[in-house]
Amino acid sequence: MVCGACHPPSAHRALSAAPEVGVLLPCNVTVSIEEGRTVVRAMNPTAVLGIVGRPELQSVGEDVTAALHRVLEACQA
């Protein structure tokens, strides 16, 4: 299963800094069952936004990465 996990305020920050980043916005999260366990995966937004090479995107990537980590950790609890 692929789920959308877009955070519109963060997407707006990224697009305002670099409109071309729209094709890279890390909004997908996958959920699968593997060997009887639920596995949730998300890409690393800091790494993906770093592809553009615009320093102003660093903080956006870090903020979204931190948010995804909080969600994934909550899923494990």
PDB file of N, CA and C in Angstrom:
ATOM      1  N   MET A   1       0.841  -1.159   0.000  1.00  0.00           N
ATOM      2  CA  MET A   1       0.000   0.000   0.000  1.00  0.00           C
ATOM      3  C   MET A   1       0.899   1.239   0.000  1.00  0.00           C
ATOM      4  N   VAL A   2       0.548   2.203  -0.813  1.00  0.00           N
ATOM      5  CA  VAL A   2       1.259   3.477  -0.846  1.00  0.00           C
ATOM      6  C   VAL A   2       0.312   4.530  -0.305  1.00  0.00           C
ATOM      7  N   CYS A   3       0.764   5.285   0.682  1.00  0.00           N
ATOM      8  CA  CYS A   3      -0.059   6.321   1.311  1.00  0.00           C
ATOM      9  C   CYS A   3       0.567   7.685   1.057  1.00  0.00           C
ATOM     10  N   GLY A   4      -0.252   8.678   0.921  1.00  0.00           N
ATOM     11  CA  GLY A   4       0.248  10.047   0.821  1.00  0.00           C
ATOM     12  C   GLY A   4       0.502  10.596   2.209  1.00  0.00           C
ATOM     13  N   ALA A   5       1.629  11.231   2.392  1.00  0.00           N
ATOM     14  CA  ALA A   5       1.973  11.786   3.700  1.00  0.00           C
ATOM     15  C   ALA A   5       2.443  13.229   3.548  1.00  0.00           C
ATOM     16  N   CYS A   6       1.804  13.961   2.685  1.00  0.00           N
ATOM     17  CA  CYS A   6       2.226  15.330   2.400  1.00  0.00           C
ATOM     18  C   CYS A   6       1.894  16.255   3.572  1.00  0.00           C
ATOM     19  N   HIS A   7       2.793  17.146   3.872  1.00  0.00           N
ATOM     20  CA  HIS A   7       2.578  18.181   4.884  1.00  0.00           C
ATOM     21  C   HIS A   7       2.569  19.506   4.129  1.00  0.00           C
ATOM     22  N   PRO A   8       1.391  20.025   3.783  1.00  0.00           N
ATOM     23  CA  PRO A   8       1.298  21.202   2.919  1.00  0.00           C
ATOM     24  C   PRO A   8       2.167  22.395   3.331  1.00  0.00           C
ATOM     25  N   PRO A   9       2.273  22.741   4.630  1.00  0.00           N
ATOM     26  CA  PRO A   9       3.137  23.878   4.965  1.00  0.00           C
ATOM     27  C   PRO A   9       4.608  23.631   4.584  1.00  0.00           C
ATOM     28  N   SER A  10       5.090  22.403   4.765  1.00  0.00           N
ATOM     29  CA  SER A  10       6.476  22.094   4.391  1.00  0.00           C
ATOM     30  C   SER A  10       6.631  22.080   2.881  1.00  0.00           C
ATOM     31  N   ALA A  11       5.638  21.546   2.180  1.00  0.00           N
ATOM     32  CA  ALA A  11       5.687  21.548   0.720  1.00  0.00           C
ATOM     33  C   ALA A  11       5.720  22.988   0.208  1.00  0.00           C
ATOM     34  N   HIS A  12       4.940  23.863   0.811  1.00  0.00           N
ATOM     35  CA  HIS A  12       4.932  25.272   0.406  1.00  0.00           C
ATOM     36  C   HIS A  12       6.298  25.917   0.632  1.00  0.00           C
ATOM     37  N   ARG A  13       6.907  25.633   1.781  1.00  0.00           N
ATOM     38  CA  ARG A  13       8.251  26.179   2.057  1.00  0.00           C
ATOM     39  C   ARG A  13       9.240  25.737   0.989  1.00  0.00           C
ATOM     40  N   ALA A  14       9.204  24.446   0.659  1.00  0.00           N
ATOM     41  CA  ALA A  14      10.139  23.917  -0.334  1.00  0.00           C
ATOM     42  C   ALA A  14       9.882  24.520  -1.711  1.00  0.00           C
ATOM     43  N   LEU A  15       8.625  24.583  -2.123  1.00  0.00           N
ATOM     44  CA  LEU A  15       8.294  25.121  -3.441  1.00  0.00           C
ATOM     45  C   LEU A  15       8.583  26.607  -3.541  1.00  0.00           C
ATOM     46  N   SER A  16       8.443  27.324  -2.433  1.00  0.00           N
ATOM     47  CA  SER A  16       8.764  28.748  -2.436  1.00  0.00           C
ATOM     48  C   SER A  16      10.260  28.979  -2.612  1.00  0.00           C
ATOM     49  N   ALA A  17      11.057  28.086  -2.054  1.00  0.00           N
ATOM     50  CA  ALA A  17      12.508  28.203  -2.160  1.00  0.00           C
ATOM     51  C   ALA A  17      13.021  27.751  -3.518  1.00  0.00           C
ATOM     52  N   ALA A  18      12.406  26.709  -4.071  1.00  0.00           N
ATOM     53  CA  ALA A  18      12.885  26.133  -5.335  1.00  0.00           C
ATOM     54  C   ALA A  18      11.720  25.417  -6.025  1.00  0.00           C
ATOM     55  N   PRO A  19      10.999  26.105  -6.916  1.00  0.00           N
ATOM     56  CA  PRO A  19       9.831  25.501  -7.563  1.00  0.00           C
ATOM     57  C   PRO A  19      10.118  24.164  -8.246  1.00  0.00           C
ATOM     58  N   GLU A  20      11.339  23.986  -8.729  1.00  0.00           N
ATOM     59  CA  GLU A  20      11.682  22.747  -9.436  1.00  0.00           C
ATOM     60  C   GLU A  20      11.683  21.523  -8.520  1.00  0.00           C
ATOM     61  N   VAL A  21      11.645  21.743  -7.219  1.00  0.00           N
ATOM     62  CA  VAL A  21      11.687  20.628  -6.273  1.00  0.00           C
ATOM     63  C   VAL A  21      10.355  19.881  -6.219  1.00  0.00           C
ATOM     64  N   GLY A  22       9.323  20.429  -6.820  1.00  0.00           N
ATOM     65  CA  GLY A  22       8.007  19.805  -6.784  1.00  0.00           C
ATOM     66  C   GLY A  22       7.992  18.352  -7.220  1.00  0.00           C
ATOM     67  N   VAL A  23       8.818  18.002  -8.181  1.00  0.00           N
ATOM     68  CA  VAL A  23       8.841  16.610  -8.660  1.00  0.00           C
ATOM     69  C   VAL A  23       9.539  15.674  -7.683  1.00  0.00           C
ATOM     70  N   LEU A  24      10.211  16.218  -6.684  1.00  0.00           N
ATOM     71  CA  LEU A  24      10.952  15.405  -5.724  1.00  0.00           C
ATOM     72  C   LEU A  24      10.313  15.352  -4.345  1.00  0.00           C
ATOM     73  N   LEU A  25       9.231  16.068  -4.140  1.00  0.00           N
ATOM     74  CA  LEU A  25       8.675  16.128  -2.793  1.00  0.00           C
ATOM     75  C   LEU A  25       8.397  14.719  -2.255  1.00  0.00           C
ATOM     76  N   PRO A  26       8.946  14.445  -1.076  1.00  0.00           N
ATOM     77  CA  PRO A  26       8.844  13.098  -0.489  1.00  0.00           C
ATOM     78  C   PRO A  26       7.541  12.880   0.246  1.00  0.00           C
ATOM     79  N   CYS A  27       6.490  12.580  -0.499  1.00  0.00           N
ATOM     80  CA  CYS A  27       5.178  12.449   0.125  1.00  0.00           C
ATOM     81  C   CYS A  27       4.682  11.014   0.242  1.00  0.00           C
ATOM     82  N   ASN A  28       5.399  10.056  -0.269  1.00  0.00           N
ATOM     83  CA  ASN A  28       4.898   8.683  -0.229  1.00  0.00           C
ATOM     84  C   ASN A  28       5.481   7.897   0.936  1.00  0.00           C
ATOM     85  N   VAL A  29       4.606   7.108   1.539  1.00  0.00           N
ATOM     86  CA  VAL A  29       4.980   6.175   2.586  1.00  0.00           C
ATOM     87  C   VAL A  29       4.381   4.838   2.160  1.00  0.00           C
ATOM     88  N   THR A  30       5.135   3.759   2.292  1.00  0.00           N
ATOM     89  CA  THR A  30       4.598   2.450   1.937  1.00  0.00           C
ATOM     90  C   THR A  30       4.370   1.625   3.190  1.00  0.00           C
ATOM     91  N   VAL A  31       3.345   0.784   3.125  1.00  0.00           N
ATOM     92  CA  VAL A  31       3.023  -0.129   4.214  1.00  0.00           C
ATOM     93  C   VAL A  31       2.855  -1.506   3.588  1.00  0.00           C
ATOM     94  N   SER A  32       3.579  -2.477   4.131  1.00  0.00           N
ATOM     95  CA  SER A  32       3.461  -3.840   3.607  1.00  0.00           C
ATOM     96  C   SER A  32       3.531  -4.838   4.761  1.00  0.00           C
ATOM     97  N   ILE A  33       3.109  -6.044   4.469  1.00  0.00           N
ATOM     98  CA  ILE A  33       3.207  -7.140   5.439  1.00  0.00           C
ATOM     99  C   ILE A  33       4.306  -8.066   4.929  1.00  0.00           C
ATOM    100  N   GLU A  34       5.334  -8.251   5.743  1.00  0.00           N
ATOM    101  CA  GLU A  34       6.467  -9.101   5.376  1.00  0.00           C
ATOM    102  C   GLU A  34       6.743 -10.061   6.526  1.00  0.00           C
ATOM    103  N   GLU A  35       6.661 -11.347   6.222  1.00  0.00           N
ATOM    104  CA  GLU A  35       6.894 -12.381   7.219  1.00  0.00           C
ATOM    105  C   GLU A  35       6.055 -12.159   8.473  1.00  0.00           C
ATOM    106  N   GLY A  36       4.786 -11.766   8.256  1.00  0.00           N
ATOM    107  CA  GLY A  36       3.864 -11.579   9.366  1.00  0.00           C
ATOM    108  C   GLY A  36       4.018 -10.273  10.125  1.00  0.00           C
ATOM    109  N   ARG A  37       4.899  -9.389   9.672  1.00  0.00           N
ATOM    110  CA  ARG A  37       5.122  -8.111  10.352  1.00  0.00           C
ATOM    111  C   ARG A  37       4.700  -6.967   9.442  1.00  0.00           C
ATOM    112  N   THR A  38       4.164  -5.924  10.032  1.00  0.00           N
ATOM    113  CA  THR A  38       3.838  -4.719   9.277  1.00  0.00           C
ATOM    114  C   THR A  38       5.101  -3.886   9.145  1.00  0.00           C
ATOM    115  N   VAL A  39       5.438  -3.534   7.901  1.00  0.00           N
ATOM    116  CA  VAL A  39       6.641  -2.749   7.624  1.00  0.00           C
ATOM    117  C   VAL A  39       6.212  -1.419   7.006  1.00  0.00           C
ATOM    118  N   VAL A  40       6.642  -0.322   7.614  1.00  0.00           N
ATOM    119  CA  VAL A  40       6.343   1.017   7.118  1.00  0.00           C
ATOM    120  C   VAL A  40       7.653   1.633   6.652  1.00  0.00           C
ATOM    121  N   ARG A  41       7.643   2.158   5.414  1.00  0.00           N
ATOM    122  CA  ARG A  41       8.856   2.757   4.853  1.00  0.00           C
ATOM    123  C   ARG A  41       8.562   4.166   4.351  1.00  0.00           C
ATOM    124  N   ALA A  42       9.542   5.035   4.507  1.00  0.00           N
ATOM    125  CA  ALA A  42       9.460   6.397   3.975  1.00  0.00           C
ATOM    126  C   ALA A  42      10.860   6.798   3.528  1.00  0.00           C
ATOM    127  N   MET A  43      10.919   7.623   2.503  1.00  0.00           N
ATOM    128  CA  MET A  43      12.229   8.070   2.031  1.00  0.00           C
ATOM    129  C   MET A  43      12.807   9.114   2.979  1.00  0.00           C
ATOM    130  N   ASN A  44      14.081   9.410   2.810  1.00  0.00           N
ATOM    131  CA  ASN A  44      14.764  10.417   3.615  1.00  0.00           C
ATOM    132  C   ASN A  44      14.617  11.772   2.909  1.00  0.00           C
ATOM    133  N   PRO A  45      13.717  12.640   3.402  1.00  0.00           N
ATOM    134  CA  PRO A  45      13.490  13.919   2.739  1.00  0.00           C
ATOM    135  C   PRO A  45      14.736  14.803   2.650  1.00  0.00           C
ATOM    136  N   THR A  46      15.588  14.763   3.662  1.00  0.00           N
ATOM    137  CA  THR A  46      16.799  15.576   3.625  1.00  0.00           C
ATOM    138  C   THR A  46      17.668  15.175   2.445  1.00  0.00           C
ATOM    139  N   ALA A  47      17.829  13.889   2.230  1.00  0.00           N
ATOM    140  CA  ALA A  47      18.640  13.403   1.114  1.00  0.00           C
ATOM    141  C   ALA A  47      17.997  13.736  -0.226  1.00  0.00           C
ATOM    142  N   VAL A  48      16.694  13.545  -0.327  1.00  0.00           N
ATOM    143  CA  VAL A  48      16.007  13.790  -1.601  1.00  0.00           C
ATOM    144  C   VAL A  48      16.047  15.272  -1.966  1.00  0.00           C
ATOM    145  N   LEU A  49      15.740  16.139  -1.010  1.00  0.00           N
ATOM    146  CA  LEU A  49      15.770  17.566  -1.305  1.00  0.00           C
ATOM    147  C   LEU A  49      17.192  18.057  -1.555  1.00  0.00           C
ATOM    148  N   GLY A  50      18.176  17.351  -1.019  1.00  0.00           N
ATOM    149  CA  GLY A  50      19.572  17.704  -1.253  1.00  0.00           C
ATOM    150  C   GLY A  50      19.996  17.534  -2.702  1.00  0.00           C
ATOM    151  N   ILE A  51      19.259  16.730  -3.454  1.00  0.00           N
ATOM    152  CA  ILE A  51      19.582  16.511  -4.868  1.00  0.00           C
ATOM    153  C   ILE A  51      19.570  17.823  -5.642  1.00  0.00           C
ATOM    154  N   VAL A  52      18.690  18.740  -5.242  1.00  0.00           N
ATOM    155  CA  VAL A  52      18.534  20.009  -5.953  1.00  0.00           C
ATOM    156  C   VAL A  52      19.742  20.920  -5.753  1.00  0.00           C
ATOM    157  N   GLY A  53      20.443  20.738  -4.638  1.00  0.00           N
ATOM    158  CA  GLY A  53      21.633  21.539  -4.381  1.00  0.00           C
ATOM    159  C   GLY A  53      21.339  22.970  -3.953  1.00  0.00           C
ATOM    160  N   ARG A  54      20.192  23.188  -3.327  1.00  0.00           N
ATOM    161  CA  ARG A  54      19.816  24.523  -2.845  1.00  0.00           C
ATOM    162  C   ARG A  54      19.875  24.513  -1.320  1.00  0.00           C
ATOM    163  N   PRO A  55      20.824  25.233  -0.722  1.00  0.00           N
ATOM    164  CA  PRO A  55      20.994  25.215   0.742  1.00  0.00           C
ATOM    165  C   PRO A  55      19.726  25.573   1.516  1.00  0.00           C
ATOM    166  N   GLU A  56      18.880  26.406   0.943  1.00  0.00           N
ATOM    167  CA  GLU A  56      17.671  26.812   1.652  1.00  0.00           C
ATOM    168  C   GLU A  56      16.672  25.671   1.843  1.00  0.00           C
ATOM    169  N   LEU A  57      16.880  24.560   1.147  1.00  0.00           N
ATOM    170  CA  LEU A  57      16.008  23.400   1.310  1.00  0.00           C
ATOM    171  C   LEU A  57      16.451  22.489   2.447  1.00  0.00           C
ATOM    172  N   GLN A  58      17.658  22.689   2.956  1.00  0.00           N
ATOM    173  CA  GLN A  58      18.203  21.837   4.014  1.00  0.00           C
ATOM    174  C   GLN A  58      17.288  21.802   5.233  1.00  0.00           C
ATOM    175  N   SER A  59      16.844  22.965   5.699  1.00  0.00           N
ATOM    176  CA  SER A  59      16.015  23.001   6.911  1.00  0.00           C
ATOM    177  C   SER A  59      14.650  22.366   6.671  1.00  0.00           C
ATOM    178  N   VAL A  60      14.109  22.518   5.466  1.00  0.00           N
ATOM    179  CA  VAL A  60      12.832  21.873   5.150  1.00  0.00           C
ATOM    180  C   VAL A  60      12.998  20.359   5.232  1.00  0.00           C
ATOM    181  N   GLY A  61      14.047  19.851   4.604  1.00  0.00           N
ATOM    182  CA  GLY A  61      14.318  18.416   4.634  1.00  0.00           C
ATOM    183  C   GLY A  61      14.507  17.895   6.042  1.00  0.00           C
ATOM    184  N   GLU A  62      15.240  18.627   6.846  1.00  0.00           N
ATOM    185  CA  GLU A  62      15.478  18.204   8.226  1.00  0.00           C
ATOM    186  C   GLU A  62      14.186  18.188   9.038  1.00  0.00           C
ATOM    187  N   ASP A  63      13.351  19.201   8.844  1.00  0.00           N
ATOM    188  CA  ASP A  63      12.076  19.259   9.578  1.00  0.00           C
ATOM    189  C   ASP A  63      11.162  18.092   9.195  1.00  0.00           C
ATOM    190  N   VAL A  64      11.064  17.818   7.899  1.00  0.00           N
ATOM    191  CA  VAL A  64      10.185  16.742   7.441  1.00  0.00           C
ATOM    192  C   VAL A  64      10.749  15.381   7.851  1.00  0.00           C
ATOM    193  N   THR A  65      12.071  15.231   7.786  1.00  0.00           N
ATOM    194  CA  THR A  65      12.699  13.985   8.234  1.00  0.00           C
ATOM    195  C   THR A  65      12.388  13.737   9.708  1.00  0.00           C
ATOM    196  N   ALA A  66      12.518  14.767  10.524  1.00  0.00           N
ATOM    197  CA  ALA A  66      12.228  14.632  11.956  1.00  0.00           C
ATOM    198  C   ALA A  66      10.765  14.255  12.185  1.00  0.00           C
ATOM    199  N   ALA A  67       9.853  14.862  11.426  1.00  0.00           N
ATOM    200  CA  ALA A  67       8.432  14.549  11.576  1.00  0.00           C
ATOM    201  C   ALA A  67       8.154  13.095  11.192  1.00  0.00           C
ATOM    202  N   LEU A  68       8.732  12.645  10.084  1.00  0.00           N
ATOM    203  CA  LEU A  68       8.533  11.252   9.671  1.00  0.00           C
ATOM    204  C   LEU A  68       9.089  10.285  10.708  1.00  0.00           C
ATOM    205  N   HIS A  69      10.233  10.611  11.294  1.00  0.00           N
ATOM    206  CA  HIS A  69      10.808   9.751  12.333  1.00  0.00           C
ATOM    207  C   HIS A  69       9.866   9.662  13.535  1.00  0.00           C
ATOM    208  N   ARG A  70       9.268  10.783  13.915  1.00  0.00           N
ATOM    209  CA  ARG A  70       8.323  10.777  15.057  1.00  0.00           C
ATOM    210  C   ARG A  70       7.136   9.861  14.746  1.00  0.00           C
ATOM    211  N   VAL A  71       6.620   9.955  13.537  1.00  0.00           N
ATOM    212  CA  VAL A  71       5.476   9.123  13.158  1.00  0.00           C
ATOM    213  C   VAL A  71       5.869   7.648  13.149  1.00  0.00           C
ATOM    214  N   LEU A  72       7.009   7.343  12.533  1.00  0.00           N
ATOM    215  CA  LEU A  72       7.440   5.940  12.459  1.00  0.00           C
ATOM    216  C   LEU A  72       7.710   5.375  13.844  1.00  0.00           C
ATOM    217  N   GLU A  73       8.292   6.175  14.731  1.00  0.00           N
ATOM    218  CA  GLU A  73       8.536   5.710  16.101  1.00  0.00           C
ATOM    219  C   GLU A  73       7.223   5.467  16.827  1.00  0.00           C
ATOM    220  N   ALA A  74       6.221   6.333  16.602  1.00  0.00           N
ATOM    221  CA  ALA A  74       4.925   6.151  17.241  1.00  0.00           C
ATOM    222  C   ALA A  74       4.249   4.884  16.759  1.00  0.00           C
ATOM    223  N   CYS A  75       4.505   4.503  15.509  1.00  0.00           N
ATOM    224  CA  CYS A  75       3.918   3.272  14.962  1.00  0.00           C
ATOM    225  C   CYS A  75       4.506   2.036  15.630  1.00  0.00           C
ATOM    226  N   GLN A  76       5.727   2.144  16.123  1.00  0.00           N
ATOM    227  CA  GLN A  76       6.388   1.009  16.758  1.00  0.00           C
ATOM    228  C   GLN A  76       5.973   0.835  18.207  1.00  0.00           C
ATOM    229  N   ALA A  77       5.391   1.861  18.771  1.00  0.00           N
ATOM    230  CA  ALA A  77       5.016   1.813  20.207  1.00  0.00           C
ATOM    231  C   ALA A  77       3.823   0.923  20.439  1.00  0.00           C
TER     232      ALA A  77
END
